[in-house]
C-alpha cells in the first residue's frame, strides 16, 4: 500500500472509531498482531480494522450493527 493509501485508510478508521465512541460504544485499540494486522476490541470481541471499515460501508455504524458484528464473530469462533 502506498503512503497516500495508508493515510486515507488511517483517516477512515479513525473516523469509524470516533463515530462508534460518540455513540458510547466501547472500542479500544488499535493493537497489532504479530503478523502486522491491526485489531480492536469491540464489545469484548476482537475485530480487525477491515471489519470495522465494512460496518461503515454496510451502513451499520450504530449500536445494533456493532452488536451484530460481535455476535457474528463470537458464533464463528464457536464453530
N, C-alpha and C. Protein backbone atom coordinates (compact mmCIF):
# COMPACT_ATOMS: atom_id res chain seq x y z
N UNK A 1 0.86 -1.18 0.00
CA UNK A 1 0.00 0.00 0.00
C UNK A 1 0.89 1.23 0.00
N UNK A 2 0.55 2.18 -0.82
CA UNK A 2 1.38 3.38 -0.86
C UNK A 2 1.06 4.31 0.31
N UNK A 3 1.85 5.31 0.49
CA UNK A 3 1.69 6.21 1.64
C UNK A 3 0.35 6.93 1.61
N UNK A 4 -0.09 7.37 0.44
CA UNK A 4 -1.36 8.07 0.34
C UNK A 4 -2.52 7.14 0.70
N UNK A 5 -2.45 5.88 0.25
CA UNK A 5 -3.48 4.90 0.60
C UNK A 5 -3.52 4.64 2.08
N UNK A 6 -2.36 4.58 2.71
CA UNK A 6 -2.29 4.38 4.15
C UNK A 6 -2.92 5.55 4.89
N UNK A 7 -2.65 6.76 4.43
CA UNK A 7 -3.20 7.96 5.07
C UNK A 7 -4.73 7.96 4.97
N UNK A 8 -5.24 7.60 3.80
CA UNK A 8 -6.70 7.52 3.64
C UNK A 8 -7.29 6.47 4.55
N UNK A 9 -6.65 5.30 4.62
CA UNK A 9 -7.13 4.23 5.47
C UNK A 9 -7.09 4.63 6.94
N UNK A 10 -6.00 5.30 7.33
CA UNK A 10 -5.85 5.76 8.70
C UNK A 10 -6.94 6.76 9.09
N UNK A 11 -7.22 7.69 8.19
CA UNK A 11 -8.29 8.66 8.46
C UNK A 11 -9.65 7.98 8.51
N UNK A 12 -9.88 7.02 7.63
CA UNK A 12 -11.16 6.33 7.58
C UNK A 12 -11.40 5.54 8.87
N UNK A 13 -10.40 4.80 9.33
CA UNK A 13 -10.59 4.01 10.54
C UNK A 13 -10.72 4.91 11.75
N UNK A 14 -10.01 6.02 11.77
CA UNK A 14 -10.14 6.98 12.88
C UNK A 14 -11.55 7.54 12.94
N UNK A 15 -12.12 7.83 11.79
CA UNK A 15 -13.49 8.35 11.74
C UNK A 15 -14.49 7.30 12.22
N UNK A 16 -14.28 6.06 11.83
CA UNK A 16 -15.18 4.97 12.26
C UNK A 16 -15.11 4.81 13.77
N UNK A 17 -13.90 4.76 14.31
CA UNK A 17 -13.72 4.61 15.76
C UNK A 17 -14.38 5.77 16.51
N UNK A 18 -14.16 6.99 16.03
CA UNK A 18 -14.74 8.15 16.70
C UNK A 18 -16.26 8.13 16.65
N UNK A 19 -16.82 7.72 15.53
CA UNK A 19 -18.28 7.63 15.41
C UNK A 19 -18.84 6.62 16.40
N UNK A 20 -18.19 5.47 16.53
CA UNK A 20 -18.64 4.47 17.49
C UNK A 20 -18.53 4.99 18.92
N UNK A 21 -17.42 5.63 19.23
CA UNK A 21 -17.23 6.17 20.58
C UNK A 21 -18.22 7.29 20.89
N UNK A 22 -18.55 8.10 19.89
CA UNK A 22 -19.55 9.16 20.09
C UNK A 22 -20.91 8.57 20.47
N UNK A 23 -21.15 7.35 20.05
CA UNK A 23 -22.41 6.68 20.37
C UNK A 23 -22.30 5.83 21.64
N UNK A 24 -21.21 6.03 22.36
CA UNK A 24 -20.93 5.34 23.62
C UNK A 24 -20.76 3.84 23.44
N UNK A 25 -20.23 3.44 22.28
CA UNK A 25 -19.91 2.05 22.02
C UNK A 25 -18.45 1.86 22.40
N UNK A 26 -18.21 0.86 23.25
CA UNK A 26 -16.86 0.63 23.78
C UNK A 26 -15.95 0.04 22.70
N UNK A 27 -14.95 0.83 22.31
CA UNK A 27 -13.95 0.40 21.32
C UNK A 27 -12.58 0.77 21.88
N UNK A 28 -11.66 -0.18 21.86
CA UNK A 28 -10.30 0.15 22.27
C UNK A 28 -9.32 -0.41 21.24
N UNK A 29 -8.17 0.18 21.21
CA UNK A 29 -7.16 -0.25 20.25
C UNK A 29 -6.69 0.96 19.49
N UNK A 30 -5.88 0.81 18.55
CA UNK A 30 -5.53 -0.45 17.89
C UNK A 30 -4.41 -1.19 18.61
N UNK A 31 -4.44 -2.49 18.40
CA UNK A 31 -3.38 -3.37 18.85
C UNK A 31 -2.86 -4.06 17.59
N UNK A 32 -1.61 -4.43 17.60
CA UNK A 32 -1.03 -5.06 16.41
C UNK A 32 -0.70 -6.52 16.72
N UNK A 33 -1.22 -7.41 15.87
CA UNK A 33 -0.88 -8.83 15.98
C UNK A 33 0.54 -9.04 15.46
N UNK A 34 1.09 -10.19 15.73
CA UNK A 34 2.45 -10.50 15.27
C UNK A 34 2.57 -10.44 13.76
N UNK A 35 1.48 -10.75 13.05
CA UNK A 35 1.53 -10.72 11.59
C UNK A 35 1.33 -9.31 11.03
N UNK A 36 1.15 -8.32 11.91
CA UNK A 36 1.02 -6.93 11.48
C UNK A 36 -0.40 -6.43 11.37
N UNK A 37 -1.38 -7.31 11.47
CA UNK A 37 -2.79 -6.92 11.38
C UNK A 37 -3.18 -6.06 12.57
N UNK A 38 -3.85 -4.95 12.29
CA UNK A 38 -4.36 -4.11 13.38
C UNK A 38 -5.70 -4.66 13.82
N UNK A 39 -5.86 -4.80 15.13
CA UNK A 39 -7.11 -5.30 15.69
C UNK A 39 -7.60 -4.32 16.75
N UNK A 40 -8.89 -4.44 17.05
CA UNK A 40 -9.55 -3.58 18.03
C UNK A 40 -10.42 -4.46 18.92
N UNK A 41 -10.73 -3.95 20.08
CA UNK A 41 -11.68 -4.60 20.96
C UNK A 41 -13.00 -3.87 20.82
N UNK A 42 -14.03 -4.59 20.44
CA UNK A 42 -15.36 -4.03 20.26
C UNK A 42 -16.33 -4.90 21.01
N UNK A 43 -16.96 -4.33 22.03
CA UNK A 43 -17.95 -5.10 22.79
C UNK A 43 -17.34 -6.41 23.28
N UNK A 44 -16.13 -6.34 23.84
CA UNK A 44 -15.41 -7.51 24.36
C UNK A 44 -15.18 -8.58 23.31
N UNK A 45 -15.00 -8.17 22.08
CA UNK A 45 -14.75 -9.08 20.96
C UNK A 45 -13.61 -8.48 20.14
N UNK A 46 -12.76 -9.32 19.58
CA UNK A 46 -11.65 -8.84 18.77
C UNK A 46 -12.10 -8.72 17.32
N UNK A 47 -11.93 -7.52 16.75
CA UNK A 47 -12.30 -7.28 15.36
C UNK A 47 -11.11 -6.66 14.63
N UNK A 48 -11.06 -6.88 13.33
CA UNK A 48 -9.98 -6.30 12.54
C UNK A 48 -10.39 -4.92 12.05
N UNK A 49 -9.40 -4.20 11.60
CA UNK A 49 -9.63 -2.88 11.02
C UNK A 49 -10.59 -2.99 9.83
N UNK A 50 -10.41 -4.01 9.03
CA UNK A 50 -11.25 -4.22 7.86
C UNK A 50 -12.70 -4.48 8.24
N UNK A 51 -12.93 -5.22 9.30
CA UNK A 51 -14.30 -5.49 9.75
C UNK A 51 -14.99 -4.21 10.20
N UNK A 52 -14.25 -3.33 10.86
CA UNK A 52 -14.82 -2.05 11.27
C UNK A 52 -15.14 -1.17 10.06
N UNK A 53 -14.24 -1.16 9.08
CA UNK A 53 -14.50 -0.37 7.87
C UNK A 53 -15.70 -0.94 7.11
N UNK A 54 -15.86 -2.26 7.13
CA UNK A 54 -17.01 -2.89 6.48
C UNK A 54 -18.32 -2.47 7.14
N UNK A 55 -18.30 -2.21 8.44
CA UNK A 55 -19.50 -1.72 9.13
C UNK A 55 -19.96 -0.40 8.51
N UNK A 56 -19.01 0.48 8.28
CA UNK A 56 -19.34 1.77 7.70
C UNK A 56 -19.88 1.60 6.28
N UNK A 57 -19.23 0.78 5.49
CA UNK A 57 -19.66 0.55 4.11
C UNK A 57 -21.07 -0.02 4.07
N UNK A 58 -21.40 -0.90 5.02
CA UNK A 58 -22.72 -1.52 5.07
C UNK A 58 -23.77 -0.60 5.68
N UNK A 59 -23.36 0.57 6.16
CA UNK A 59 -24.31 1.49 6.78
C UNK A 59 -24.76 1.04 8.16
N UNK A 60 -23.91 0.28 8.84
CA UNK A 60 -24.26 -0.26 10.16
C UNK A 60 -23.37 0.29 11.26
N UNK A 61 -23.04 1.55 11.15
CA UNK A 61 -22.17 2.19 12.12
C UNK A 61 -22.99 2.72 13.29
N UNK A 62 -23.66 1.79 13.97
CA UNK A 62 -24.50 2.13 15.11
C UNK A 62 -24.47 0.95 16.08
N UNK A 63 -25.11 1.08 17.22
CA UNK A 63 -25.04 0.05 18.26
C UNK A 63 -25.52 -1.31 17.78
N UNK A 64 -26.62 -1.33 17.05
CA UNK A 64 -27.16 -2.61 16.56
C UNK A 64 -26.19 -3.27 15.58
N UNK A 65 -25.58 -2.48 14.71
CA UNK A 65 -24.62 -3.02 13.75
C UNK A 65 -23.38 -3.56 14.43
N UNK A 66 -22.89 -2.84 15.43
CA UNK A 66 -21.71 -3.28 16.18
C UNK A 66 -22.02 -4.57 16.95
N UNK A 67 -23.19 -4.63 17.54
CA UNK A 67 -23.61 -5.83 18.27
C UNK A 67 -23.76 -7.01 17.32
N UNK A 68 -24.29 -6.77 16.16
CA UNK A 68 -24.45 -7.83 15.15
C UNK A 68 -23.09 -8.39 14.73
N UNK A 69 -22.14 -7.50 14.51
CA UNK A 69 -20.79 -7.92 14.13
C UNK A 69 -20.16 -8.75 15.24
N UNK A 70 -20.25 -8.29 16.47
CA UNK A 70 -19.67 -9.01 17.61
C UNK A 70 -20.31 -10.39 17.76
N UNK A 71 -21.62 -10.47 17.60
CA UNK A 71 -22.33 -11.74 17.71
C UNK A 71 -21.89 -12.69 16.60
N UNK A 72 -21.76 -12.18 15.38
CA UNK A 72 -21.34 -13.00 14.25
C UNK A 72 -19.93 -13.55 14.49
N UNK A 73 -19.05 -12.73 15.03
CA UNK A 73 -17.68 -13.18 15.30
C UNK A 73 -17.67 -14.22 16.41
N UNK A 74 -18.42 -13.99 17.45
CA UNK A 74 -18.49 -14.97 18.54
C UNK A 74 -19.02 -16.31 18.04
N UNK A 75 -20.06 -16.27 17.23
CA UNK A 75 -20.64 -17.50 16.70
C UNK A 75 -19.67 -18.25 15.79
N UNK A 76 -18.91 -17.52 14.99
CA UNK A 76 -17.97 -18.18 14.10
C UNK A 76 -16.79 -18.77 14.89
N UNK A 77 -16.47 -18.19 16.03
CA UNK A 77 -15.38 -18.69 16.86
C UNK A 77 -15.77 -20.00 17.53
N UNK A 78 -17.05 -20.21 17.74
CA UNK A 78 -17.53 -21.44 18.38
C UNK A 78 -17.49 -22.63 17.45
N UNK A 79 -17.48 -22.39 16.17
CA UNK A 79 -17.54 -23.50 15.19
C UNK A 79 -16.23 -24.17 15.04
